Amino acid sequence: MADERSLVLQRQRKLKWRSLDWLESVLMMLCGATLMCFCTSVVCDIVTREIGRPWLWLQEVTSTFFIYGIFIGAAVATRRNDHLFLAAVGDSFTGRPRLLIESAIRLVVISVGFFLTYYGYINFLRGFSSFRMPSMTPIASLYAAIPISGALIALFAFEQLVNGWRNGFEGADEDNEPPPEGVPPP
């Protein structure tokens, strides 16, 4: 039984390695932090513009938190199987067809993760020749999120693929968490 306060979803537990639970927790905290910082910087941007003293560099900060939040969120959503998957297609099959469809879906996502990693890294290296204004920070600081996210997406899809082959994909879509108090089980 998992701690109720855990950030790691127990749903689809048989497709996850416990050794990566810490990473999911860290990524969820980073998603929350980037969302909070993004919202705070937007409010500060609005307030400073309204009082006639805009902080121009704040738009750089806002876009950085937005971009990192998106790419970190895509990675953690892959681990939670909340994103990038055609889950409804696989759920409608059983046995060997389900294994083939679920495997194909995850192989496509692994490929996408590798492409994000490879081409994101190339883009990151090229980003050292372009600069953000007014701070003159290399734009590579934004592009770094792409290969990191790609590597995490590939890792989490690989994790699900291996565990699905070992434990089967059927029944993985069932929620292992107990229903909220007062709600009867389905």
N, C-alpha and C. Protein backbone atom coordinates (compact mmCIF):
# COMPACT_ATOMS: atom_id res chain seq x y z
N MET A 1 0.84 -1.18 0.00
CA MET A 1 0.00 0.00 0.00
C MET A 1 0.89 1.24 0.00
N ALA A 2 0.69 2.10 -0.93
CA ALA A 2 1.50 3.31 -1.06
C ALA A 2 0.99 4.41 -0.14
N ASP A 3 1.88 5.28 0.20
CA ASP A 3 1.53 6.44 1.01
C ASP A 3 0.53 7.29 0.24
N GLU A 4 -0.55 7.71 0.92
CA GLU A 4 -1.60 8.50 0.27
C GLU A 4 -1.08 9.84 -0.21
N ARG A 5 -0.02 10.34 0.40
CA ARG A 5 0.52 11.64 0.02
C ARG A 5 1.57 11.55 -1.07
N SER A 6 1.82 10.37 -1.57
CA SER A 6 2.84 10.17 -2.59
C SER A 6 2.42 10.83 -3.90
N LEU A 7 3.39 11.41 -4.58
CA LEU A 7 3.15 11.99 -5.90
C LEU A 7 3.14 10.93 -6.99
N VAL A 8 3.61 9.74 -6.67
CA VAL A 8 3.68 8.66 -7.64
C VAL A 8 2.32 7.97 -7.70
N LEU A 9 1.75 7.94 -8.90
CA LEU A 9 0.47 7.26 -9.07
C LEU A 9 0.66 5.75 -8.95
N GLN A 10 -0.25 5.11 -8.24
CA GLN A 10 -0.19 3.66 -8.13
C GLN A 10 -0.94 2.98 -9.27
N ARG A 11 -1.63 3.78 -10.05
CA ARG A 11 -2.32 3.26 -11.23
C ARG A 11 -1.27 2.68 -12.17
N GLN A 12 -1.56 1.56 -12.75
CA GLN A 12 -0.67 0.87 -13.68
C GLN A 12 0.68 0.53 -13.04
N ARG A 13 0.62 0.15 -11.77
CA ARG A 13 1.83 -0.14 -11.00
C ARG A 13 2.68 -1.23 -11.65
N LYS A 14 2.03 -2.20 -12.28
CA LYS A 14 2.81 -3.31 -12.84
C LYS A 14 3.62 -2.91 -14.07
N LEU A 15 3.41 -1.69 -14.57
CA LEU A 15 4.20 -1.21 -15.70
C LEU A 15 5.34 -0.29 -15.24
N LYS A 16 5.52 -0.14 -13.93
CA LYS A 16 6.53 0.80 -13.42
C LYS A 16 7.54 0.08 -12.55
N TRP A 17 8.79 0.55 -12.63
CA TRP A 17 9.83 0.08 -11.73
C TRP A 17 9.84 0.98 -10.50
N ARG A 18 9.86 0.38 -9.35
CA ARG A 18 9.90 1.17 -8.11
C ARG A 18 11.16 2.02 -8.03
N SER A 19 12.22 1.57 -8.68
CA SER A 19 13.49 2.32 -8.63
C SER A 19 13.39 3.68 -9.33
N LEU A 20 12.36 3.90 -10.15
CA LEU A 20 12.19 5.20 -10.81
C LEU A 20 11.11 6.06 -10.15
N ASP A 21 10.53 5.58 -9.06
CA ASP A 21 9.49 6.36 -8.38
C ASP A 21 10.02 7.70 -7.88
N TRP A 22 11.26 7.71 -7.41
CA TRP A 22 11.84 8.97 -6.93
C TRP A 22 11.90 9.99 -8.06
N LEU A 23 12.21 9.52 -9.28
CA LEU A 23 12.32 10.42 -10.42
C LEU A 23 10.96 11.01 -10.77
N GLU A 24 9.92 10.18 -10.72
CA GLU A 24 8.57 10.69 -10.97
C GLU A 24 8.19 11.74 -9.94
N SER A 25 8.54 11.50 -8.68
CA SER A 25 8.25 12.48 -7.62
C SER A 25 8.99 13.80 -7.86
N VAL A 26 10.25 13.71 -8.20
CA VAL A 26 11.04 14.92 -8.46
C VAL A 26 10.47 15.68 -9.65
N LEU A 27 10.12 14.96 -10.71
CA LEU A 27 9.55 15.62 -11.89
C LEU A 27 8.21 16.27 -11.58
N MET A 28 7.41 15.63 -10.76
CA MET A 28 6.12 16.23 -10.37
C MET A 28 6.35 17.51 -9.56
N MET A 29 7.33 17.49 -8.68
CA MET A 29 7.64 18.70 -7.91
C MET A 29 8.16 19.81 -8.82
N LEU A 30 9.00 19.43 -9.79
CA LEU A 30 9.50 20.43 -10.74
C LEU A 30 8.36 21.01 -11.59
N CYS A 31 7.41 20.16 -11.98
CA CYS A 31 6.24 20.66 -12.72
C CYS A 31 5.48 21.68 -11.88
N GLY A 32 5.27 21.37 -10.62
CA GLY A 32 4.57 22.30 -9.73
C GLY A 32 5.34 23.59 -9.56
N ALA A 33 6.65 23.48 -9.40
CA ALA A 33 7.49 24.67 -9.23
C ALA A 33 7.49 25.54 -10.48
N THR A 34 7.60 24.91 -11.66
CA THR A 34 7.59 25.70 -12.89
C THR A 34 6.24 26.37 -13.11
N LEU A 35 5.16 25.68 -12.77
CA LEU A 35 3.84 26.28 -12.90
C LEU A 35 3.68 27.47 -11.95
N MET A 36 4.12 27.30 -10.71
CA MET A 36 4.02 28.38 -9.73
C MET A 36 4.88 29.58 -10.16
N CYS A 37 6.09 29.31 -10.59
CA CYS A 37 6.98 30.40 -11.02
C CYS A 37 6.47 31.07 -12.29
N PHE A 38 5.92 30.30 -13.20
CA PHE A 38 5.33 30.86 -14.42
C PHE A 38 4.19 31.82 -14.06
N CYS A 39 3.29 31.36 -13.22
CA CYS A 39 2.15 32.21 -12.83
C CYS A 39 2.61 33.47 -12.10
N THR A 40 3.58 33.30 -11.20
CA THR A 40 4.10 34.45 -10.45
C THR A 40 4.76 35.45 -11.39
N SER A 41 5.54 34.97 -12.34
CA SER A 41 6.21 35.91 -13.24
C SER A 41 5.22 36.62 -14.16
N VAL A 42 4.14 35.94 -14.55
CA VAL A 42 3.11 36.60 -15.36
C VAL A 42 2.44 37.71 -14.56
N VAL A 43 2.11 37.43 -13.31
CA VAL A 43 1.48 38.45 -12.46
C VAL A 43 2.43 39.63 -12.26
N CYS A 44 3.69 39.35 -11.98
CA CYS A 44 4.67 40.43 -11.80
C CYS A 44 4.83 41.24 -13.08
N ASP A 45 4.82 40.58 -14.22
CA ASP A 45 4.93 41.27 -15.50
C ASP A 45 3.75 42.22 -15.69
N ILE A 46 2.55 41.73 -15.39
CA ILE A 46 1.35 42.57 -15.54
C ILE A 46 1.41 43.76 -14.59
N VAL A 47 1.74 43.50 -13.34
CA VAL A 47 1.78 44.57 -12.33
C VAL A 47 2.82 45.63 -12.69
N THR A 48 4.02 45.20 -13.06
CA THR A 48 5.06 46.19 -13.37
C THR A 48 4.72 47.00 -14.62
N ARG A 49 4.05 46.39 -15.57
CA ARG A 49 3.63 47.15 -16.76
C ARG A 49 2.52 48.15 -16.41
N GLU A 50 1.61 47.75 -15.57
CA GLU A 50 0.50 48.63 -15.17
C GLU A 50 0.98 49.84 -14.36
N ILE A 51 2.02 49.67 -13.58
CA ILE A 51 2.52 50.81 -12.79
C ILE A 51 3.53 51.64 -13.58
N GLY A 52 3.76 51.26 -14.83
CA GLY A 52 4.63 52.05 -15.69
C GLY A 52 6.11 51.78 -15.54
N ARG A 53 6.48 50.70 -14.90
CA ARG A 53 7.88 50.33 -14.72
C ARG A 53 8.08 48.86 -15.12
N PRO A 54 7.97 48.56 -16.41
CA PRO A 54 8.06 47.16 -16.83
C PRO A 54 9.46 46.57 -16.66
N TRP A 55 9.49 45.32 -16.25
CA TRP A 55 10.74 44.57 -16.17
C TRP A 55 10.81 43.75 -17.46
N LEU A 56 11.55 44.20 -18.42
CA LEU A 56 11.59 43.54 -19.72
C LEU A 56 12.17 42.12 -19.65
N TRP A 57 13.10 41.91 -18.76
CA TRP A 57 13.72 40.59 -18.61
C TRP A 57 12.73 39.55 -18.09
N LEU A 58 11.62 40.01 -17.51
CA LEU A 58 10.65 39.08 -16.94
C LEU A 58 10.00 38.20 -18.00
N GLN A 59 9.90 38.69 -19.21
CA GLN A 59 9.33 37.87 -20.28
C GLN A 59 10.24 36.68 -20.59
N GLU A 60 11.53 36.85 -20.46
CA GLU A 60 12.45 35.74 -20.64
C GLU A 60 12.25 34.69 -19.55
N VAL A 61 12.09 35.15 -18.33
CA VAL A 61 11.87 34.25 -17.20
C VAL A 61 10.56 33.48 -17.40
N THR A 62 9.52 34.19 -17.80
CA THR A 62 8.22 33.57 -18.02
C THR A 62 8.30 32.49 -19.09
N SER A 63 8.92 32.80 -20.21
CA SER A 63 9.01 31.81 -21.29
C SER A 63 9.87 30.61 -20.88
N THR A 64 10.89 30.84 -20.08
CA THR A 64 11.73 29.73 -19.61
C THR A 64 10.93 28.78 -18.74
N PHE A 65 10.19 29.30 -17.78
CA PHE A 65 9.38 28.44 -16.92
C PHE A 65 8.30 27.72 -17.72
N PHE A 66 7.72 28.40 -18.69
CA PHE A 66 6.70 27.78 -19.52
C PHE A 66 7.28 26.60 -20.32
N ILE A 67 8.40 26.83 -20.97
CA ILE A 67 9.01 25.79 -21.80
C ILE A 67 9.46 24.60 -20.96
N TYR A 68 10.14 24.86 -19.86
CA TYR A 68 10.58 23.75 -19.01
C TYR A 68 9.39 23.01 -18.41
N GLY A 69 8.35 23.72 -18.05
CA GLY A 69 7.15 23.07 -17.52
C GLY A 69 6.50 22.15 -18.54
N ILE A 70 6.43 22.59 -19.79
CA ILE A 70 5.84 21.77 -20.86
C ILE A 70 6.65 20.50 -21.07
N PHE A 71 7.96 20.62 -21.20
CA PHE A 71 8.76 19.44 -21.51
C PHE A 71 8.92 18.50 -20.32
N ILE A 72 9.02 19.03 -19.12
CA ILE A 72 9.05 18.16 -17.94
C ILE A 72 7.70 17.46 -17.79
N GLY A 73 6.63 18.21 -18.01
CA GLY A 73 5.29 17.64 -17.93
C GLY A 73 5.06 16.53 -18.94
N ALA A 74 5.59 16.68 -20.14
CA ALA A 74 5.45 15.62 -21.15
C ALA A 74 6.15 14.34 -20.70
N ALA A 75 7.31 14.49 -20.07
CA ALA A 75 8.05 13.31 -19.60
C ALA A 75 7.30 12.61 -18.47
N VAL A 76 6.84 13.37 -17.49
CA VAL A 76 6.15 12.73 -16.36
C VAL A 76 4.80 12.17 -16.80
N ALA A 77 4.16 12.81 -17.75
CA ALA A 77 2.89 12.28 -18.26
C ALA A 77 3.11 10.96 -18.99
N THR A 78 4.27 10.79 -19.60
CA THR A 78 4.59 9.51 -20.24
C THR A 78 4.70 8.43 -19.18
N ARG A 79 5.37 8.72 -18.08
CA ARG A 79 5.49 7.70 -17.01
C ARG A 79 4.13 7.35 -16.45
N ARG A 80 3.25 8.33 -16.32
CA ARG A 80 1.93 8.10 -15.77
C ARG A 80 0.95 7.56 -16.81
N ASN A 81 1.44 7.43 -18.03
CA ASN A 81 0.63 6.95 -19.15
C ASN A 81 -0.59 7.84 -19.35
N ASP A 82 -0.40 9.12 -19.15
CA ASP A 82 -1.46 10.11 -19.32
C ASP A 82 -1.32 10.89 -20.62
N HIS A 83 -0.27 10.62 -21.37
CA HIS A 83 0.05 11.48 -22.50
C HIS A 83 0.78 10.66 -23.55
N LEU A 84 0.64 11.02 -24.80
CA LEU A 84 1.38 10.42 -25.90
C LEU A 84 0.98 8.98 -26.22
N PHE A 85 -0.09 8.49 -25.66
CA PHE A 85 -0.46 7.11 -25.90
C PHE A 85 -1.88 7.03 -26.45
N LEU A 86 -2.10 6.06 -27.29
CA LEU A 86 -3.44 5.79 -27.80
C LEU A 86 -4.02 4.66 -26.95
N ALA A 87 -4.25 4.95 -25.67
CA ALA A 87 -4.65 3.93 -24.71
C ALA A 87 -5.97 3.26 -25.06
N ALA A 88 -6.89 4.00 -25.62
CA ALA A 88 -8.20 3.43 -25.93
C ALA A 88 -8.10 2.32 -26.96
N VAL A 89 -7.17 2.43 -27.87
CA VAL A 89 -7.00 1.40 -28.90
C VAL A 89 -6.56 0.09 -28.24
N GLY A 90 -5.55 0.15 -27.41
CA GLY A 90 -5.05 -1.06 -26.75
C GLY A 90 -6.04 -1.66 -25.78
N ASP A 91 -6.82 -0.82 -25.10
CA ASP A 91 -7.78 -1.31 -24.12
C ASP A 91 -8.89 -2.14 -24.75
N SER A 92 -9.14 -1.96 -26.03
CA SER A 92 -10.24 -2.67 -26.67
C SER A 92 -9.86 -4.09 -27.10
N PHE A 93 -8.60 -4.48 -26.90
CA PHE A 93 -8.14 -5.81 -27.30
C PHE A 93 -7.68 -6.60 -26.09
N THR A 94 -7.54 -7.90 -26.29
CA THR A 94 -6.99 -8.78 -25.26
C THR A 94 -5.99 -9.72 -25.92
N GLY A 95 -5.20 -10.37 -25.10
CA GLY A 95 -4.26 -11.37 -25.59
C GLY A 95 -3.17 -10.82 -26.48
N ARG A 96 -2.84 -11.61 -27.50
CA ARG A 96 -1.74 -11.25 -28.40
C ARG A 96 -1.98 -9.94 -29.15
N PRO A 97 -3.20 -9.67 -29.66
CA PRO A 97 -3.40 -8.37 -30.32
C PRO A 97 -3.12 -7.18 -29.40
N ARG A 98 -3.50 -7.31 -28.15
CA ARG A 98 -3.24 -6.21 -27.21
C ARG A 98 -1.74 -6.04 -26.99
N LEU A 99 -1.04 -7.16 -26.83
CA LEU A 99 0.41 -7.10 -26.66
C LEU A 99 1.07 -6.41 -27.84
N LEU A 100 0.65 -6.75 -29.05
CA LEU A 100 1.22 -6.15 -30.25
C LEU A 100 0.92 -4.65 -30.35
N ILE A 101 -0.31 -4.27 -30.07
CA ILE A 101 -0.70 -2.85 -30.16
C ILE A 101 0.01 -2.03 -29.09
N GLU A 102 -0.01 -2.52 -27.85
CA GLU A 102 0.66 -1.80 -26.76
C GLU A 102 2.16 -1.69 -27.02
N SER A 103 2.75 -2.74 -27.55
CA SER A 103 4.18 -2.71 -27.87
C SER A 103 4.46 -1.70 -28.98
N ALA A 104 3.64 -1.72 -30.03
CA ALA A 104 3.84 -0.79 -31.15
C ALA A 104 3.71 0.65 -30.68
N ILE A 105 2.74 0.92 -29.83
CA ILE A 105 2.55 2.29 -29.31
C ILE A 105 3.80 2.74 -28.56
N ARG A 106 4.29 1.89 -27.70
CA ARG A 106 5.46 2.27 -26.90
C ARG A 106 6.73 2.36 -27.75
N LEU A 107 6.84 1.54 -28.77
CA LEU A 107 8.00 1.65 -29.67
C LEU A 107 7.97 2.97 -30.43
N VAL A 108 6.79 3.42 -30.81
CA VAL A 108 6.66 4.73 -31.47
C VAL A 108 7.07 5.83 -30.51
N VAL A 109 6.60 5.74 -29.25
CA VAL A 109 6.94 6.77 -28.26
C VAL A 109 8.44 6.76 -27.96
N ILE A 110 9.04 5.57 -27.89
CA ILE A 110 10.49 5.49 -27.69
C ILE A 110 11.21 6.17 -28.86
N SER A 111 10.73 5.93 -30.08
CA SER A 111 11.32 6.58 -31.25
C SER A 111 11.20 8.10 -31.17
N VAL A 112 10.04 8.58 -30.77
CA VAL A 112 9.85 10.02 -30.59
C VAL A 112 10.81 10.55 -29.54
N GLY A 113 10.97 9.82 -28.44
CA GLY A 113 11.91 10.22 -27.40
C GLY A 113 13.34 10.31 -27.92
N PHE A 114 13.73 9.32 -28.73
CA PHE A 114 15.08 9.35 -29.31
C PHE A 114 15.25 10.53 -30.27
N PHE A 115 14.24 10.79 -31.09
CA PHE A 115 14.32 11.93 -32.01
C PHE A 115 14.41 13.24 -31.24
N LEU A 116 13.59 13.39 -30.18
CA LEU A 116 13.67 14.59 -29.36
C LEU A 116 15.06 14.74 -28.75
N THR A 117 15.62 13.63 -28.29
CA THR A 117 16.94 13.67 -27.67
C THR A 117 18.00 14.05 -28.70
N TYR A 118 18.01 13.37 -29.81
CA TYR A 118 19.05 13.59 -30.82
C TYR A 118 18.96 14.99 -31.43
N TYR A 119 17.79 15.31 -32.01
CA TYR A 119 17.66 16.60 -32.68
C TYR A 119 17.58 17.75 -31.67
N GLY A 120 17.08 17.49 -30.50
CA GLY A 120 17.07 18.51 -29.46
C GLY A 120 18.48 18.86 -29.02
N TYR A 121 19.35 17.85 -28.96
CA TYR A 121 20.73 18.12 -28.60
C TYR A 121 21.44 18.93 -29.69
N ILE A 122 21.18 18.59 -30.94
CA ILE A 122 21.76 19.37 -32.04
C ILE A 122 21.28 20.82 -31.97
N ASN A 123 19.99 20.99 -31.72
CA ASN A 123 19.42 22.34 -31.60
C ASN A 123 20.02 23.07 -30.40
N PHE A 124 20.22 22.35 -29.30
CA PHE A 124 20.84 22.92 -28.11
C PHE A 124 22.24 23.45 -28.43
N LEU A 125 23.04 22.66 -29.13
CA LEU A 125 24.41 23.11 -29.49
C LEU A 125 24.38 24.33 -30.39
N ARG A 126 23.45 24.36 -31.33
CA ARG A 126 23.33 25.52 -32.22
C ARG A 126 22.83 26.76 -31.46
N GLY A 127 22.16 26.54 -30.36
CA GLY A 127 21.60 27.65 -29.59
C GLY A 127 22.63 28.53 -28.91
N PHE A 128 23.88 28.10 -28.90
CA PHE A 128 24.92 28.93 -28.30
C PHE A 128 25.33 30.09 -29.20
N SER A 129 24.85 30.08 -30.43
CA SER A 129 25.17 31.18 -31.34
C SER A 129 24.06 32.23 -31.41
N SER A 130 22.93 31.98 -30.73
CA SER A 130 21.83 32.94 -30.68
C SER A 130 21.61 33.36 -29.23
N PHE A 131 21.19 34.60 -29.05
CA PHE A 131 21.07 35.11 -27.69
C PHE A 131 19.69 35.71 -27.46
N ARG A 132 19.24 35.60 -26.22
CA ARG A 132 17.96 36.18 -25.82
C ARG A 132 18.17 37.62 -25.42
N MET A 133 17.19 38.42 -25.72
CA MET A 133 17.30 39.84 -25.39
C MET A 133 16.36 40.15 -24.23
N PRO A 134 16.66 40.95 -23.29
CA PRO A 134 17.83 41.82 -23.18
C PRO A 134 18.98 41.20 -22.40
N SER A 135 18.85 39.98 -21.90
CA SER A 135 19.88 39.42 -21.01
C SER A 135 21.12 38.90 -21.73
N MET A 136 21.02 38.66 -23.04
CA MET A 136 22.11 38.09 -23.83
C MET A 136 22.47 36.68 -23.37
N THR A 137 21.52 35.99 -22.80
CA THR A 137 21.69 34.59 -22.42
C THR A 137 21.59 33.74 -23.69
N PRO A 138 22.47 32.77 -23.89
CA PRO A 138 22.34 31.92 -25.07
C PRO A 138 20.97 31.22 -25.08
N ILE A 139 20.36 31.16 -26.24
CA ILE A 139 19.04 30.54 -26.35
C ILE A 139 19.13 29.04 -26.08
N ALA A 140 20.34 28.52 -26.05
CA ALA A 140 20.55 27.11 -25.69
C ALA A 140 19.99 26.80 -24.31
N SER A 141 19.91 27.81 -23.45
CA SER A 141 19.35 27.58 -22.11
C SER A 141 17.89 27.14 -22.18
N LEU A 142 17.18 27.55 -23.21
CA LEU A 142 15.81 27.08 -23.42
C LEU A 142 15.80 25.71 -24.09
N TYR A 143 16.67 25.52 -25.07
CA TYR A 143 16.68 24.30 -25.85
C TYR A 143 17.13 23.09 -25.05
N ALA A 144 17.77 23.28 -23.92
CA ALA A 144 18.25 22.16 -23.10
C ALA A 144 17.10 21.27 -22.63
N ALA A 145 15.92 21.85 -22.49
CA ALA A 145 14.76 21.07 -22.01
C ALA A 145 14.36 19.99 -23.00
N ILE A 146 14.63 20.18 -24.28
CA ILE A 146 14.15 19.25 -25.31
C ILE A 146 14.87 17.89 -25.23
N PRO A 147 16.21 17.83 -25.27
CA PRO A 147 16.84 16.50 -25.18
C PRO A 147 16.65 15.83 -23.83
N ILE A 148 16.57 16.62 -22.77
CA ILE A 148 16.32 16.04 -21.44
C ILE A 148 14.96 15.36 -21.43
N SER A 149 13.96 16.07 -21.92
CA SER A 149 12.62 15.51 -21.99
C SER A 149 12.58 14.28 -22.88
N GLY A 150 13.23 14.33 -24.02
CA GLY A 150 13.25 13.19 -24.93
C GLY A 150 13.85 11.95 -24.29
N ALA A 151 14.95 12.14 -23.57
CA ALA A 151 15.58 11.00 -22.90
C ALA A 151 14.66 10.41 -21.83
N LEU A 152 13.99 11.26 -21.09
CA LEU A 152 13.07 10.77 -20.05
C LEU A 152 11.85 10.08 -20.68
N ILE A 153 11.34 10.63 -21.76
CA ILE A 153 10.20 10.01 -22.45
C ILE A 153 10.59 8.62 -22.94
N ALA A 154 11.76 8.50 -23.56
CA ALA A 154 12.23 7.19 -24.05
C ALA A 154 12.42 6.22 -22.88
N LEU A 155 13.00 6.69 -21.79
CA LEU A 155 13.22 5.84 -20.61
C LEU A 155 11.89 5.32 -20.07
N PHE A 156 10.92 6.20 -19.90
CA PHE A 156 9.65 5.79 -19.31
C PHE A 156 8.85 4.88 -20.23
N ALA A 157 8.92 5.11 -21.53
CA ALA A 157 8.23 4.23 -22.48
C ALA A 157 8.92 2.86 -22.51
N PHE A 158 10.25 2.86 -22.43
CA PHE A 158 10.99 1.59 -22.36
C PHE A 158 10.62 0.82 -21.10
N GLU A 159 10.54 1.53 -19.98
CA GLU A 159 10.13 0.91 -18.71
C GLU A 159 8.78 0.22 -18.86
N GLN A 160 7.82 0.90 -19.47
CA GLN A 160 6.49 0.32 -19.64
C GLN A 160 6.51 -0.85 -20.61
N LEU A 161 7.31 -0.74 -21.65
CA LEU A 161 7.41 -1.82 -22.63
C LEU A 161 7.97 -3.09 -21.99
N VAL A 162 9.07 -2.97 -21.27
CA VAL A 162 9.69 -4.13 -20.62
C VAL A 162 8.74 -4.74 -19.60
N ASN A 163 8.15 -3.90 -18.77
CA ASN A 163 7.24 -4.42 -17.74
C ASN A 163 5.96 -4.98 -18.34
N GLY A 164 5.51 -4.40 -19.45
CA GLY A 164 4.35 -4.95 -20.13
C GLY A 164 4.63 -6.31 -20.72
N TRP A 165 5.83 -6.50 -21.26
CA TRP A 165 6.21 -7.81 -21.78
C TRP A 165 6.33 -8.83 -20.65
N ARG A 166 6.86 -8.40 -19.52
CA ARG A 166 7.02 -9.31 -18.37
C ARG A 166 5.69 -9.64 -17.70
N ASN A 167 4.91 -8.60 -17.43
CA ASN A 167 3.71 -8.75 -16.60
C ASN A 167 2.41 -8.71 -17.38
N GLY A 168 2.49 -8.40 -18.65
CA GLY A 168 1.29 -8.27 -19.46
C GLY A 168 0.72 -6.86 -19.35
N PHE A 169 0.08 -6.43 -20.42
CA PHE A 169 -0.52 -5.10 -20.43
C PHE A 169 -1.96 -5.14 -19.92
N GLU A 170 -2.58 -6.30 -20.00
CA GLU A 170 -3.97 -6.40 -19.58
C GLU A 170 -4.08 -6.22 -18.08
N GLY A 171 -5.07 -5.46 -17.69
CA GLY A 171 -5.26 -5.16 -16.27
C GLY A 171 -4.41 -4.01 -15.79
N ALA A 172 -3.47 -3.55 -16.61
CA ALA A 172 -2.61 -2.44 -16.21
C ALA A 172 -3.38 -1.13 -16.18
N ASP A 173 -4.49 -1.08 -16.95
CA ASP A 173 -5.26 0.15 -16.99
C ASP A 173 -6.20 0.29 -15.81
N GLU A 174 -6.32 -0.74 -15.00
CA GLU A 174 -7.18 -0.66 -13.83
C GLU A 174 -6.51 0.18 -12.77
N ASP A 175 -7.31 0.89 -12.05
CA ASP A 175 -6.81 1.79 -11.01
C ASP A 175 -6.60 0.98 -9.74
N ASN A 176 -5.36 0.92 -9.26
CA ASN A 176 -5.05 0.18 -8.03
C ASN A 176 -5.30 1.01 -6.78
N GLU A 177 -5.59 2.28 -6.95
CA GLU A 177 -5.83 3.13 -5.80
C GLU A 177 -7.27 2.95 -5.34
N PRO A 178 -7.49 2.93 -4.02
CA PRO A 178 -8.88 2.80 -3.55
C PRO A 178 -9.67 4.04 -3.90
N PRO A 179 -10.99 3.88 -4.13
CA PRO A 179 -11.82 5.06 -4.45
C PRO A 179 -11.88 5.99 -3.24
N PRO A 180 -12.14 7.27 -3.48
CA PRO A 180 -12.27 8.22 -2.37
C PRO A 180 -13.37 7.77 -1.41
N GLU A 181 -13.22 8.17 -0.17
CA GLU A 181 -14.19 7.78 0.86
C GLU A 181 -15.59 8.22 0.46
N GLY A 182 -16.53 7.32 0.62
CA GLY A 182 -17.92 7.63 0.29
C GLY A 182 -18.29 7.30 -1.14
N VAL A 183 -17.31 6.92 -1.97
CA VAL A 183 -17.58 6.57 -3.36
C VAL A 183 -17.52 5.06 -3.49
N PRO A 184 -18.61 4.41 -3.93
CA PRO A 184 -18.57 2.96 -4.05
C PRO A 184 -17.64 2.53 -5.17
N PRO A 185 -16.97 1.39 -5.02
CA PRO A 185 -16.09 0.91 -6.08
C PRO A 185 -16.91 0.55 -7.31
N PRO A 186 -16.30 0.63 -8.51
CA PRO A 186 -17.05 0.33 -9.73
C PRO A 186 -17.43 -1.12 -9.85
